[in-house]
Amino acid sequence: MCVRSLVADDEPDIRDFIGHVLARAGHDVTTAGDGAEVLERASEDHFDLVVVDHHMPRMTGLAVADELSRASPDTKVLVMSGDLDVGREHPHFLPKPFNRGEFMAAVDSLLGLTG
């Protein structure tokens, strides 16, 4: 199964790291630099997974997650942030900083690939 994933972070190093980790796990990866770009790309194509940073220009990760839940309810969304309060607002949250193992465990759990 090839998972189509969209990674959004306004920090290119983090976006590239996450994209690389997902690609090595067999995902077909697309990237975006901000939340509005996520919605643009998601309106043009279907993604199984969206990994989005919360603090980004033009639109927050939580706003992206809310919009995607309405527009594409079968897309799984993982919100990342160093702000732990964000975790209270979204059920699929990964606190920054994280390592590769923590990240992939969160992704696999969200996609139902564990257990």
PDB file of N, CA and C in Angstrom:
ATOM      1  N   MET A   1       0.843  -1.181   0.000  1.00  0.00           N
ATOM      2  CA  MET A   1       0.000   0.000   0.000  1.00  0.00           C
ATOM      3  C   MET A   1       0.886   1.242   0.000  1.00  0.00           C
ATOM      4  N   CYS A   2       0.694   2.105  -0.967  1.00  0.00           N
ATOM      5  CA  CYS A   2       1.432   3.361  -1.019  1.00  0.00           C
ATOM      6  C   CYS A   2       0.584   4.461  -0.381  1.00  0.00           C
ATOM      7  N   VAL A   3       1.114   5.057   0.649  1.00  0.00           N
ATOM      8  CA  VAL A   3       0.414   6.119   1.358  1.00  0.00           C
ATOM      9  C   VAL A   3       0.798   7.453   0.726  1.00  0.00           C
ATOM     10  N   ARG A   4      -0.196   8.224   0.334  1.00  0.00           N
ATOM     11  CA  ARG A   4       0.043   9.549  -0.229  1.00  0.00           C
ATOM     12  C   ARG A   4       0.024  10.541   0.931  1.00  0.00           C
ATOM     13  N   SER A   5       1.154  11.210   1.146  1.00  0.00           N
ATOM     14  CA  SER A   5       1.305  12.099   2.302  1.00  0.00           C
ATOM     15  C   SER A   5       1.672  13.501   1.869  1.00  0.00           C
ATOM     16  N   LEU A   6       1.133  14.467   2.588  1.00  0.00           N
ATOM     17  CA  LEU A   6       1.441  15.877   2.393  1.00  0.00           C
ATOM     18  C   LEU A   6       2.040  16.401   3.686  1.00  0.00           C
ATOM     19  N   VAL A   7       3.221  16.992   3.592  1.00  0.00           N
ATOM     20  CA  VAL A   7       3.933  17.514   4.752  1.00  0.00           C
ATOM     21  C   VAL A   7       3.996  19.031   4.647  1.00  0.00           C
ATOM     22  N   ALA A   8       3.551  19.719   5.703  1.00  0.00           N
ATOM     23  CA  ALA A   8       3.565  21.177   5.692  1.00  0.00           C
ATOM     24  C   ALA A   8       4.253  21.720   6.932  1.00  0.00           C
ATOM     25  N   ASP A   9       5.287  22.506   6.690  1.00  0.00           N
ATOM     26  CA  ASP A   9       5.997  23.219   7.749  1.00  0.00           C
ATOM     27  C   ASP A   9       6.672  24.402   7.084  1.00  0.00           C
ATOM     28  N   ASP A  10       6.654  25.551   7.736  1.00  0.00           N
ATOM     29  CA  ASP A  10       7.283  26.733   7.145  1.00  0.00           C
ATOM     30  C   ASP A  10       8.798  26.726   7.322  1.00  0.00           C
ATOM     31  N   GLU A  11       9.315  25.763   8.078  1.00  0.00           N
ATOM     32  CA  GLU A  11      10.764  25.614   8.219  1.00  0.00           C
ATOM     33  C   GLU A  11      11.229  24.511   7.267  1.00  0.00           C
ATOM     34  N   PRO A  12      11.971  24.894   6.204  1.00  0.00           N
ATOM     35  CA  PRO A  12      12.365  23.912   5.185  1.00  0.00           C
ATOM     36  C   PRO A  12      13.130  22.710   5.736  1.00  0.00           C
ATOM     37  N   ASP A  13      13.980  22.898   6.737  1.00  0.00           N
ATOM     38  CA  ASP A  13      14.746  21.771   7.279  1.00  0.00           C
ATOM     39  C   ASP A  13      13.833  20.729   7.915  1.00  0.00           C
ATOM     40  N   ILE A  14      12.833  21.182   8.649  1.00  0.00           N
ATOM     41  CA  ILE A  14      11.894  20.254   9.289  1.00  0.00           C
ATOM     42  C   ILE A  14      11.030  19.580   8.219  1.00  0.00           C
ATOM     43  N   ARG A  15      10.538  20.367   7.273  1.00  0.00           N
ATOM     44  CA  ARG A  15       9.728  19.823   6.180  1.00  0.00           C
ATOM     45  C   ARG A  15      10.509  18.757   5.408  1.00  0.00           C
ATOM     46  N   ASP A  16      11.773  19.049   5.097  1.00  0.00           N
ATOM     47  CA  ASP A  16      12.597  18.090   4.359  1.00  0.00           C
ATOM     48  C   ASP A  16      12.877  16.832   5.172  1.00  0.00           C
ATOM     49  N   PHE A  17      13.151  16.993   6.473  1.00  0.00           N
ATOM     50  CA  PHE A  17      13.402  15.840   7.343  1.00  0.00           C
ATOM     51  C   PHE A  17      12.185  14.918   7.377  1.00  0.00           C
ATOM     52  N   ILE A  18      11.018  15.487   7.614  1.00  0.00           N
ATOM     53  CA  ILE A  18       9.798  14.686   7.708  1.00  0.00           C
ATOM     54  C   ILE A  18       9.493  14.023   6.364  1.00  0.00           C
ATOM     55  N   GLY A  19       9.648  14.777   5.298  1.00  0.00           N
ATOM     56  CA  GLY A  19       9.426  14.212   3.974  1.00  0.00           C
ATOM     57  C   GLY A  19      10.355  13.042   3.696  1.00  0.00           C
ATOM     58  N   HIS A  20      11.619  13.187   4.089  1.00  0.00           N
ATOM     59  CA  HIS A  20      12.605  12.125   3.890  1.00  0.00           C
ATOM     60  C   HIS A  20      12.240  10.880   4.699  1.00  0.00           C
ATOM     61  N   VAL A  21      11.856  11.075   5.950  1.00  0.00           N
ATOM     62  CA  VAL A  21      11.477   9.942   6.811  1.00  0.00           C
ATOM     63  C   VAL A  21      10.276   9.198   6.208  1.00  0.00           C
ATOM     64  N   LEU A  22       9.285   9.938   5.757  1.00  0.00           N
ATOM     65  CA  LEU A  22       8.106   9.301   5.168  1.00  0.00           C
ATOM     66  C   LEU A  22       8.436   8.606   3.853  1.00  0.00           C
ATOM     67  N   ALA A  23       9.263   9.236   3.028  1.00  0.00           N
ATOM     68  CA  ALA A  23       9.647   8.622   1.754  1.00  0.00           C
ATOM     69  C   ALA A  23      10.400   7.311   1.990  1.00  0.00           C
ATOM     70  N   ARG A  24      11.276   7.300   2.980  1.00  0.00           N
ATOM     71  CA  ARG A  24      12.019   6.066   3.299  1.00  0.00           C
ATOM     72  C   ARG A  24      11.076   4.969   3.793  1.00  0.00           C
ATOM     73  N   ALA A  25       9.936   5.365   4.349  1.00  0.00           N
ATOM     74  CA  ALA A  25       8.941   4.396   4.819  1.00  0.00           C
ATOM     75  C   ALA A  25       7.987   3.989   3.690  1.00  0.00           C
ATOM     76  N   GLY A  26       8.224   4.498   2.476  1.00  0.00           N
ATOM     77  CA  GLY A  26       7.424   4.093   1.331  1.00  0.00           C
ATOM     78  C   GLY A  26       6.284   5.024   0.959  1.00  0.00           C
ATOM     79  N   HIS A  27       6.198   6.169   1.609  1.00  0.00           N
ATOM     80  CA  HIS A  27       5.136   7.125   1.294  1.00  0.00           C
ATOM     81  C   HIS A  27       5.472   7.904   0.024  1.00  0.00           C
ATOM     82  N   ASP A  28       4.447   8.269  -0.708  1.00  0.00           N
ATOM     83  CA  ASP A  28       4.565   9.199  -1.825  1.00  0.00           C
ATOM     84  C   ASP A  28       4.353  10.585  -1.213  1.00  0.00           C
ATOM     85  N   VAL A  29       5.404  11.414  -1.166  1.00  0.00           N
ATOM     86  CA  VAL A  29       5.389  12.643  -0.373  1.00  0.00           C
ATOM     87  C   VAL A  29       5.310  13.892  -1.254  1.00  0.00           C
ATOM     88  N   THR A  30       4.413  14.797  -0.855  1.00  0.00           N
ATOM     89  CA  THR A  30       4.293  16.139  -1.406  1.00  0.00           C
ATOM     90  C   THR A  30       4.519  17.088  -0.241  1.00  0.00           C
ATOM     91  N   THR A  31       5.077  18.274  -0.496  1.00  0.00           N
ATOM     92  CA  THR A  31       5.319  19.224   0.595  1.00  0.00           C
ATOM     93  C   THR A  31       4.627  20.555   0.315  1.00  0.00           C
ATOM     94  N   ALA A  32       4.439  21.302   1.396  1.00  0.00           N
ATOM     95  CA  ALA A  32       3.849  22.634   1.334  1.00  0.00           C
ATOM     96  C   ALA A  32       4.519  23.510   2.383  1.00  0.00           C
ATOM     97  N   GLY A  33       4.572  24.803   2.116  1.00  0.00           N
ATOM     98  CA  GLY A  33       5.238  25.736   3.012  1.00  0.00           C
ATOM     99  C   GLY A  33       4.340  26.430   4.014  1.00  0.00           C
ATOM    100  N   ASP A  34       3.027  26.315   3.840  1.00  0.00           N
ATOM    101  CA  ASP A  34       2.111  26.928   4.804  1.00  0.00           C
ATOM    102  C   ASP A  34       0.739  26.272   4.705  1.00  0.00           C
ATOM    103  N   GLY A  35      -0.124  26.641   5.636  1.00  0.00           N
ATOM    104  CA  GLY A  35      -1.434  25.999   5.722  1.00  0.00           C
ATOM    105  C   GLY A  35      -2.336  26.241   4.526  1.00  0.00           C
ATOM    106  N   ALA A  36      -2.317  27.445   3.984  1.00  0.00           N
ATOM    107  CA  ALA A  36      -3.152  27.729   2.820  1.00  0.00           C
ATOM    108  C   ALA A  36      -2.723  26.883   1.628  1.00  0.00           C
ATOM    109  N   GLU A  37      -1.422  26.659   1.483  1.00  0.00           N
ATOM    110  CA  GLU A  37      -0.924  25.808   0.402  1.00  0.00           C
ATOM    111  C   GLU A  37      -1.387  24.364   0.584  1.00  0.00           C
ATOM    112  N   VAL A  38      -1.500  23.908   1.829  1.00  0.00           N
ATOM    113  CA  VAL A  38      -2.024  22.563   2.092  1.00  0.00           C
ATOM    114  C   VAL A  38      -3.424  22.435   1.508  1.00  0.00           C
ATOM    115  N   LEU A  39      -4.269  23.414   1.797  1.00  0.00           N
ATOM    116  CA  LEU A  39      -5.652  23.342   1.308  1.00  0.00           C
ATOM    117  C   LEU A  39      -5.711  23.425  -0.210  1.00  0.00           C
ATOM    118  N   GLU A  40      -4.833  24.221  -0.810  1.00  0.00           N
ATOM    119  CA  GLU A  40      -4.778  24.302  -2.268  1.00  0.00           C
ATOM    120  C   GLU A  40      -4.422  22.940  -2.850  1.00  0.00           C
ATOM    121  N   ARG A  41      -3.379  22.319  -2.318  1.00  0.00           N
ATOM    122  CA  ARG A  41      -2.944  21.010  -2.833  1.00  0.00           C
ATOM    123  C   ARG A  41      -3.994  19.934  -2.571  1.00  0.00           C
ATOM    124  N   ALA A  42      -4.615  19.983  -1.398  1.00  0.00           N
ATOM    125  CA  ALA A  42      -5.628  18.979  -1.053  1.00  0.00           C
ATOM    126  C   ALA A  42      -6.889  19.133  -1.899  1.00  0.00           C
ATOM    127  N   SER A  43      -7.146  20.316  -2.413  1.00  0.00           N
ATOM    128  CA  SER A  43      -8.305  20.500  -3.287  1.00  0.00           C
ATOM    129  C   SER A  43      -8.034  19.944  -4.684  1.00  0.00           C
ATOM    130  N   GLU A  44      -6.760  19.797  -5.027  1.00  0.00           N
ATOM    131  CA  GLU A  44      -6.365  19.294  -6.346  1.00  0.00           C
ATOM    132  C   GLU A  44      -6.092  17.799  -6.355  1.00  0.00           C
ATOM    133  N   ASP A  45      -5.810  17.224  -5.196  1.00  0.00           N
ATOM    134  CA  ASP A  45      -5.394  15.833  -5.134  1.00  0.00           C
ATOM    135  C   ASP A  45      -5.828  15.239  -3.793  1.00  0.00           C
ATOM    136  N   HIS A  46      -5.894  13.903  -3.729  1.00  0.00           N
ATOM    137  CA  HIS A  46      -6.251  13.233  -2.473  1.00  0.00           C
ATOM    138  C   HIS A  46      -4.985  12.799  -1.736  1.00  0.00           C
ATOM    139  N   PHE A  47      -4.974  13.020  -0.432  1.00  0.00           N
ATOM    140  CA  PHE A  47      -3.880  12.565   0.416  1.00  0.00           C
ATOM    141  C   PHE A  47      -4.459  11.699   1.523  1.00  0.00           C
ATOM    142  N   ASP A  48      -3.742  10.618   1.837  1.00  0.00           N
ATOM    143  CA  ASP A  48      -4.149   9.747   2.937  1.00  0.00           C
ATOM    144  C   ASP A  48      -3.770  10.358   4.280  1.00  0.00           C
ATOM    145  N   LEU A  49      -2.649  11.090   4.271  1.00  0.00           N
ATOM    146  CA  LEU A  49      -2.089  11.653   5.496  1.00  0.00           C
ATOM    147  C   LEU A  49      -1.608  13.070   5.233  1.00  0.00           C
ATOM    148  N   VAL A  50      -1.925  13.974   6.160  1.00  0.00           N
ATOM    149  CA  VAL A  50      -1.371  15.324   6.155  1.00  0.00           C
ATOM    150  C   VAL A  50      -0.681  15.534   7.488  1.00  0.00           C
ATOM    151  N   VAL A  51       0.592  15.890   7.432  1.00  0.00           N
ATOM    152  CA  VAL A  51       1.376  16.221   8.623  1.00  0.00           C
ATOM    153  C   VAL A  51       1.597  17.716   8.557  1.00  0.00           C
ATOM    154  N   VAL A  52       1.102  18.436   9.552  1.00  0.00           N
ATOM    155  CA  VAL A  52       1.119  19.899   9.487  1.00  0.00           C
ATOM    156  C   VAL A  52       1.598  20.506  10.804  1.00  0.00           C
ATOM    157  N   ASP A  53       2.508  21.475  10.678  1.00  0.00           N
ATOM    158  CA  ASP A  53       2.943  22.248  11.840  1.00  0.00           C
ATOM    159  C   ASP A  53       1.816  23.197  12.228  1.00  0.00           C
ATOM    160  N   HIS A  54       1.690  23.484  13.494  1.00  0.00           N
ATOM    161  CA  HIS A  54       0.624  24.393  13.919  1.00  0.00           C
ATOM    162  C   HIS A  54       0.957  25.850  13.618  1.00  0.00           C
ATOM    163  N   HIS A  55       2.148  26.298  13.977  1.00  0.00           N
ATOM    164  CA  HIS A  55       2.507  27.711  13.827  1.00  0.00           C
ATOM    165  C   HIS A  55       3.116  27.961  12.454  1.00  0.00           C
ATOM    166  N   MET A  56       2.267  28.414  11.516  1.00  0.00           N
ATOM    167  CA  MET A  56       2.710  28.712  10.156  1.00  0.00           C
ATOM    168  C   MET A  56       2.030  29.979   9.663  1.00  0.00           C
ATOM    169  N   PRO A  57       2.625  30.595   8.641  1.00  0.00           N
ATOM    170  CA  PRO A  57       1.988  31.778   8.051  1.00  0.00           C
ATOM    171  C   PRO A  57       0.676  31.418   7.348  1.00  0.00           C
ATOM    172  N   ARG A  58      -0.180  32.386   7.219  1.00  0.00           N
ATOM    173  CA  ARG A  58      -1.446  32.354   6.484  1.00  0.00           C
ATOM    174  C   ARG A  58      -2.527  31.500   7.122  1.00  0.00           C
ATOM    175  N   MET A  59      -2.166  30.417   7.807  1.00  0.00           N
ATOM    176  CA  MET A  59      -3.186  29.549   8.397  1.00  0.00           C
ATOM    177  C   MET A  59      -2.526  28.590   9.375  1.00  0.00           C
ATOM    178  N   THR A  60      -3.108  28.427  10.550  1.00  0.00           N
ATOM    179  CA  THR A  60      -2.526  27.522  11.546  1.00  0.00           C
ATOM    180  C   THR A  60      -2.814  26.066  11.201  1.00  0.00           C
ATOM    181  N   GLY A  61      -2.051  25.186  11.808  1.00  0.00           N
ATOM    182  CA  GLY A  61      -2.272  23.759  11.623  1.00  0.00           C
ATOM    183  C   GLY A  61      -3.638  23.303  12.101  1.00  0.00           C
ATOM    184  N   LEU A  62      -4.116  23.881  13.203  1.00  0.00           N
ATOM    185  CA  LEU A  62      -5.448  23.517  13.692  1.00  0.00           C
ATOM    186  C   LEU A  62      -6.530  23.951  12.717  1.00  0.00           C
ATOM    187  N   ALA A  63      -6.381  25.119  12.127  1.00  0.00           N
ATOM    188  CA  ALA A  63      -7.349  25.586  11.127  1.00  0.00           C
ATOM    189  C   ALA A  63      -7.328  24.672   9.900  1.00  0.00           C
ATOM    190  N   VAL A  64      -6.143  24.250   9.492  1.00  0.00           N
ATOM    191  CA  VAL A  64      -6.018  23.312   8.373  1.00  0.00           C
ATOM    192  C   VAL A  64      -6.722  22.000   8.717  1.00  0.00           C
ATOM    193  N   ALA A  65      -6.464  21.475   9.914  1.00  0.00           N
ATOM    194  CA  ALA A  65      -7.079  20.209  10.337  1.00  0.00           C
ATOM    195  C   ALA A  65      -8.598  20.316  10.346  1.00  0.00           C
ATOM    196  N   ASP A  66      -9.126  21.433  10.847  1.00  0.00           N
ATOM    197  CA  ASP A  66     -10.579  21.630  10.875  1.00  0.00           C
ATOM    198  C   ASP A  66     -11.154  21.662   9.461  1.00  0.00           C
ATOM    199  N   GLU A  67     -10.503  22.395   8.577  1.00  0.00           N
ATOM    200  CA  GLU A  67     -10.979  22.499   7.197  1.00  0.00           C
ATOM    201  C   GLU A  67     -10.916  21.152   6.485  1.00  0.00           C
ATOM    202  N   LEU A  68      -9.815  20.429   6.658  1.00  0.00           N
ATOM    203  CA  LEU A  68      -9.689  19.122   6.016  1.00  0.00           C
ATOM    204  C   LEU A  68     -10.705  18.117   6.550  1.00  0.00           C
ATOM    205  N   SER A  69     -11.039  18.219   7.839  1.00  0.00           N
ATOM    206  CA  SER A  69     -12.021  17.282   8.400  1.00  0.00           C
ATOM    207  C   SER A  69     -13.388  17.467   7.744  1.00  0.00           C
ATOM    208  N   ARG A  70     -13.680  18.688   7.313  1.00  0.00           N
ATOM    209  CA  ARG A  70     -14.941  18.952   6.609  1.00  0.00           C
ATOM    210  C   ARG A  70     -14.834  18.582   5.126  1.00  0.00           C
ATOM    211  N   ALA A  71     -13.759  18.986   4.486  1.00  0.00           N
ATOM    212  CA  ALA A  71     -13.617  18.817   3.037  1.00  0.00           C
ATOM    213  C   ALA A  71     -13.203  17.414   2.623  1.00  0.00           C
ATOM    214  N   SER A  72     -12.416  16.752   3.459  1.00  0.00           N
ATOM    215  CA  SER A  72     -11.881  15.431   3.123  1.00  0.00           C
ATOM    216  C   SER A  72     -11.795  14.585   4.384  1.00  0.00           C
ATOM    217  N   PRO A  73     -12.950  14.129   4.892  1.00  0.00           N
ATOM    218  CA  PRO A  73     -12.978  13.464   6.196  1.00  0.00           C
ATOM    219  C   PRO A  73     -12.171  12.172   6.279  1.00  0.00           C
ATOM    220  N   ASP A  74     -11.826  11.556   5.151  1.00  0.00           N
ATOM    221  CA  ASP A  74     -11.043  10.328   5.204  1.00  0.00           C
ATOM    222  C   ASP A  74      -9.542  10.587   5.265  1.00  0.00           C
ATOM    223  N   THR A  75      -9.117  11.847   5.158  1.00  0.00           N
ATOM    224  CA  THR A  75      -7.698  12.200   5.274  1.00  0.00           C
ATOM    225  C   THR A  75      -7.330  12.286   6.751  1.00  0.00           C
ATOM    226  N   LYS A  76      -6.287  11.576   7.143  1.00  0.00           N
ATOM    227  CA  LYS A  76      -5.786  11.631   8.518  1.00  0.00           C
ATOM    228  C   LYS A  76      -4.855  12.829   8.652  1.00  0.00           C
ATOM    229  N   VAL A  77      -4.995  13.586   9.749  1.00  0.00           N
ATOM    230  CA  VAL A  77      -4.184  14.781   9.956  1.00  0.00           C
ATOM    231  C   VAL A  77      -3.437  14.673  11.281  1.00  0.00           C
ATOM    232  N   LEU A  78      -2.111  14.836  11.203  1.00  0.00           N
ATOM    233  CA  LEU A  78      -1.253  14.866  12.381  1.00  0.00           C
ATOM    234  C   LEU A  78      -0.742  16.288  12.538  1.00  0.00           C
ATOM    235  N   VAL A  79      -1.075  16.926  13.657  1.00  0.00           N
ATOM    236  CA  VAL A  79      -0.636  18.298  13.929  1.00  0.00           C
ATOM    237  C   VAL A  79       0.574  18.239  14.854  1.00  0.00           C
ATOM    238  N   MET A  80       1.620  18.993  14.490  1.00  0.00           N
ATOM    239  CA  MET A  80       2.850  19.057  15.296  1.00  0.00           C
ATOM    240  C   MET A  80       2.998  20.470  15.854  1.00  0.00           C
ATOM    241  N   SER A  81       3.556  20.554  17.055  1.00  0.00           N
ATOM    242  CA  SER A  81       3.829  21.870  17.625  1.00  0.00           C
ATOM    243  C   SER A  81       4.676  21.736  18.882  1.00  0.00           C
ATOM    244  N   GLY A  82       5.456  22.764  19.149  1.00  0.00           N
ATOM    245  CA  GLY A  82       6.165  22.858  20.413  1.00  0.00           C
ATOM    246  C   GLY A  82       5.256  23.390  21.510  1.00  0.00           C
ATOM    247  N   ASP A  83       4.097  23.902  21.130  1.00  0.00           N
ATOM    248  CA  ASP A  83       3.100  24.427  22.065  1.00  0.00           C
ATOM    249  C   ASP A  83       2.202  23.276  22.503  1.00  0.00           C
ATOM    250  N   LEU A  84       2.408  22.789  23.714  1.00  0.00           N
ATOM    251  CA  LEU A  84       1.677  21.613  24.191  1.00  0.00           C
ATOM    252  C   LEU A  84       0.182  21.851  24.324  1.00  0.00           C
ATOM    253  N   ASP A  85      -0.245  23.110  24.446  1.00  0.00           N
ATOM    254  CA  ASP A  85      -1.676  23.402  24.526  1.00  0.00           C
ATOM    255  C   ASP A  85      -2.417  23.006  23.260  1.00  0.00           C
ATOM    256  N   VAL A  86      -1.717  22.978  22.131  1.00  0.00           N
ATOM    257  CA  VAL A  86      -2.339  22.579  20.869  1.00  0.00           C
ATOM    258  C   VAL A  86      -2.839  21.145  20.965  1.00  0.00           C
ATOM    259  N   GLY A  87      -2.152  20.321  21.718  1.00  0.00           N
ATOM    260  CA  GLY A  87      -2.541  18.929  21.893  1.00  0.00           C
ATOM    261  C   GLY A  87      -3.898  18.744  22.530  1.00  0.00           C
ATOM    262  N   ARG A  88      -4.355  19.743  23.246  1.00  0.00           N
ATOM    263  CA  ARG A  88      -5.688  19.673  23.855  1.00  0.00           C
ATOM    264  C   ARG A  88      -6.777  19.935  22.825  1.00  0.00           C
ATOM    265  N   GLU A  89      -6.396  20.494  21.681  1.00  0.00           N
ATOM    266  CA  GLU A  89      -7.381  20.909  20.685  1.00  0.00           C
ATOM    267  C   GLU A  89      -7.480  19.986  19.483  1.00  0.00           C
ATOM    268  N   HIS A  90      -6.550  19.044  19.375  1.00  0.00           N
ATOM    269  CA  HIS A  90      -6.593  18.124  18.234  1.00  0.00           C
ATOM    270  C   HIS A  90      -6.228  16.722  18.726  1.00  0.00           C
ATOM    271  N   PRO A  91      -7.016  15.720  18.352  1.00  0.00           N
ATOM    272  CA  PRO A  91      -6.778  14.377  18.888  1.00  0.00           C
ATOM    273  C   PRO A  91      -5.493  13.705  18.392  1.00  0.00           C
ATOM    274  N   HIS A  92      -4.980  14.141  17.256  1.00  0.00           N
ATOM    275  CA  HIS A  92      -3.771  13.532  16.697  1.00  0.00           C
ATOM    276  C   HIS A  92      -2.669  14.586  16.690  1.00  0.00           C
ATOM    277  N   PHE A  93      -1.937  14.620  17.794  1.00  0.00           N
ATOM    278  CA  PHE A  93      -0.952  15.673  18.056  1.00  0.00           C
ATOM    279  C   PHE A  93       0.391  15.048  18.372  1.00  0.00           C
ATOM    280  N   LEU A  94       1.456  15.658  17.829  1.00  0.00           N
ATOM    281  CA  LEU A  94       2.810  15.213  18.129  1.00  0.00           C
ATOM    282  C   LEU A  94       3.609  16.419  18.617  1.00  0.00           C
ATOM    283  N   PRO A  95       4.064  16.374  19.882  1.00  0.00           N
ATOM    284  CA  PRO A  95       4.837  17.508  20.394  1.00  0.00           C
ATOM    285  C   PRO A  95       6.241  17.557  19.798  1.00  0.00           C
ATOM    286  N   LYS A  96       6.671  18.764  19.471  1.00  0.00           N
ATOM    287  CA  LYS A  96       8.047  18.996  19.012  1.00  0.00           C
ATOM    288  C   LYS A  96       8.887  19.309  20.230  1.00  0.00           C
ATOM    289  N   PRO A  97      10.127  18.932  20.279  1.00  0.00           N
ATOM    290  CA  PRO A  97      10.851  18.140  19.288  1.00  0.00           C
ATOM    291  C   PRO A  97      10.519  16.657  19.439  1.00  0.00           C
ATOM    292  N   PHE A  98      10.738  15.916  18.364  1.00  0.00           N
ATOM    293  CA  PHE A  98      10.528  14.478  18.358  1.00  0.00           C
ATOM    294  C   PHE A  98      11.643  13.835  17.544  1.00  0.00           C
ATOM    295  N   ASN A  99      11.810  12.532  17.723  1.00  0.00           N
ATOM    296  CA  ASN A  99      12.804  11.825  16.915  1.00  0.00           C
ATOM    297  C   ASN A  99      12.083  11.004  15.847  1.00  0.00           C
ATOM    298  N   ARG A 100      12.849  10.410  14.975  1.00  0.00           N
ATOM    299  CA  ARG A 100      12.307   9.630  13.858  1.00  0.00           C
ATOM    300  C   ARG A 100      11.382   8.518  14.348  1.00  0.00           C
ATOM    301  N   GLY A 101      11.791   7.805  15.399  1.00  0.00           N
ATOM    302  CA  GLY A 101      10.981   6.709  15.919  1.00  0.00           C
ATOM    303  C   GLY A 101       9.647   7.177  16.470  1.00  0.00           C
ATOM    304  N   GLU A 102       9.666   8.267  17.233  1.00  0.00           N
ATOM    305  CA  GLU A 102       8.422   8.815  17.780  1.00  0.00           C
ATOM    306  C   GLU A 102       7.490   9.263  16.660  1.00  0.00           C
ATOM    307  N   PHE A 103       8.086   9.895  15.647  1.00  0.00           N
ATOM    308  CA  PHE A 103       7.292  10.384  14.530  1.00  0.00           C
ATOM    309  C   PHE A 103       6.622   9.216  13.792  1.00  0.00           C
ATOM    310  N   MET A 104       7.395   8.201  13.433  1.00  0.00           N
ATOM    311  CA  MET A 104       6.826   7.077  12.681  1.00  0.00           C
ATOM    312  C   MET A 104       5.824   6.293  13.520  1.00  0.00           C
ATOM    313  N   ALA A 105       6.044   6.198  14.819  1.00  0.00           N
ATOM    314  CA  ALA A 105       5.056   5.527  15.682  1.00  0.00           C
ATOM    315  C   ALA A 105       3.723   6.278  15.654  1.00  0.00           C
ATOM    316  N   ALA A 106       3.778   7.611  15.698  1.00  0.00           N
ATOM    317  CA  ALA A 106       2.555   8.423  15.643  1.00  0.00           C
ATOM    318  C   ALA A 106       1.853   8.263  14.289  1.00  0.00           C
ATOM    319  N   VAL A 107       2.638   8.281  13.215  1.00  0.00           N
ATOM    320  CA  VAL A 107       2.078   8.129  11.867  1.00  0.00           C
ATOM    321  C   VAL A 107       1.438   6.748  11.707  1.00  0.00           C
ATOM    322  N   ASP A 108       2.165   5.695  12.080  1.00  0.00           N
ATOM    323  CA  ASP A 108       1.640   4.339  11.935  1.00  0.00           C
ATOM    324  C   ASP A 108       0.370   4.127  12.767  1.00  0.00           C
ATOM    325  N   SER A 109       0.354   4.689  13.966  1.00  0.00           N
ATOM    326  CA  SER A 109      -0.825   4.579  14.812  1.00  0.00           C
ATOM    327  C   SER A 109      -2.012   5.294  14.167  1.00  0.00           C
ATOM    328  N   LEU A 110      -1.782   6.489  13.675  1.00  0.00           N
ATOM    329  CA  LEU A 110      -2.854   7.265  13.055  1.00  0.00           C
ATOM    330  C   LEU A 110      -3.419   6.553  11.818  1.00  0.00           C
ATOM    331  N   LEU A 111      -2.541   5.919  11.046  1.00  0.00           N
ATOM    332  CA  LEU A 111      -2.960   5.231   9.832  1.00  0.00           C
ATOM    333  C   LEU A 111      -3.468   3.816  10.110  1.00  0.00           C
ATOM    334  N   GLY A 112      -3.404   3.389  11.366  1.00  0.00           N
ATOM    335  CA  GLY A 112      -3.878   2.061  11.732  1.00  0.00           C
ATOM    336  C   GLY A 112      -2.937   0.957  11.283  1.00  0.00           C
ATOM    337  N   LEU A 113      -1.636   1.276  11.203  1.00  0.00           N
ATOM    338  CA  LEU A 113      -0.647   0.303  10.738  1.00  0.00           C
ATOM    339  C   LEU A 113       0.079  -0.398  11.884  1.00  0.00           C
ATOM    340  N   THR A 114      -0.348  -0.167  13.118  1.00  0.00           N
ATOM    341  CA  THR A 114       0.278  -0.813  14.267  1.00  0.00           C
ATOM    342  C   THR A 114      -0.708  -1.758  14.923  1.00  0.00           C
ATOM    343  N   GLY A 115      -0.184  -2.620  15.744  1.00  0.00           N
ATOM    344  CA  GLY A 115      -1.021  -3.469  16.558  1.00  0.00           C
ATOM    345  C   GLY A 115      -1.366  -4.710  15.887  1.00  0.00           C
TER     346      GLY A 115
END
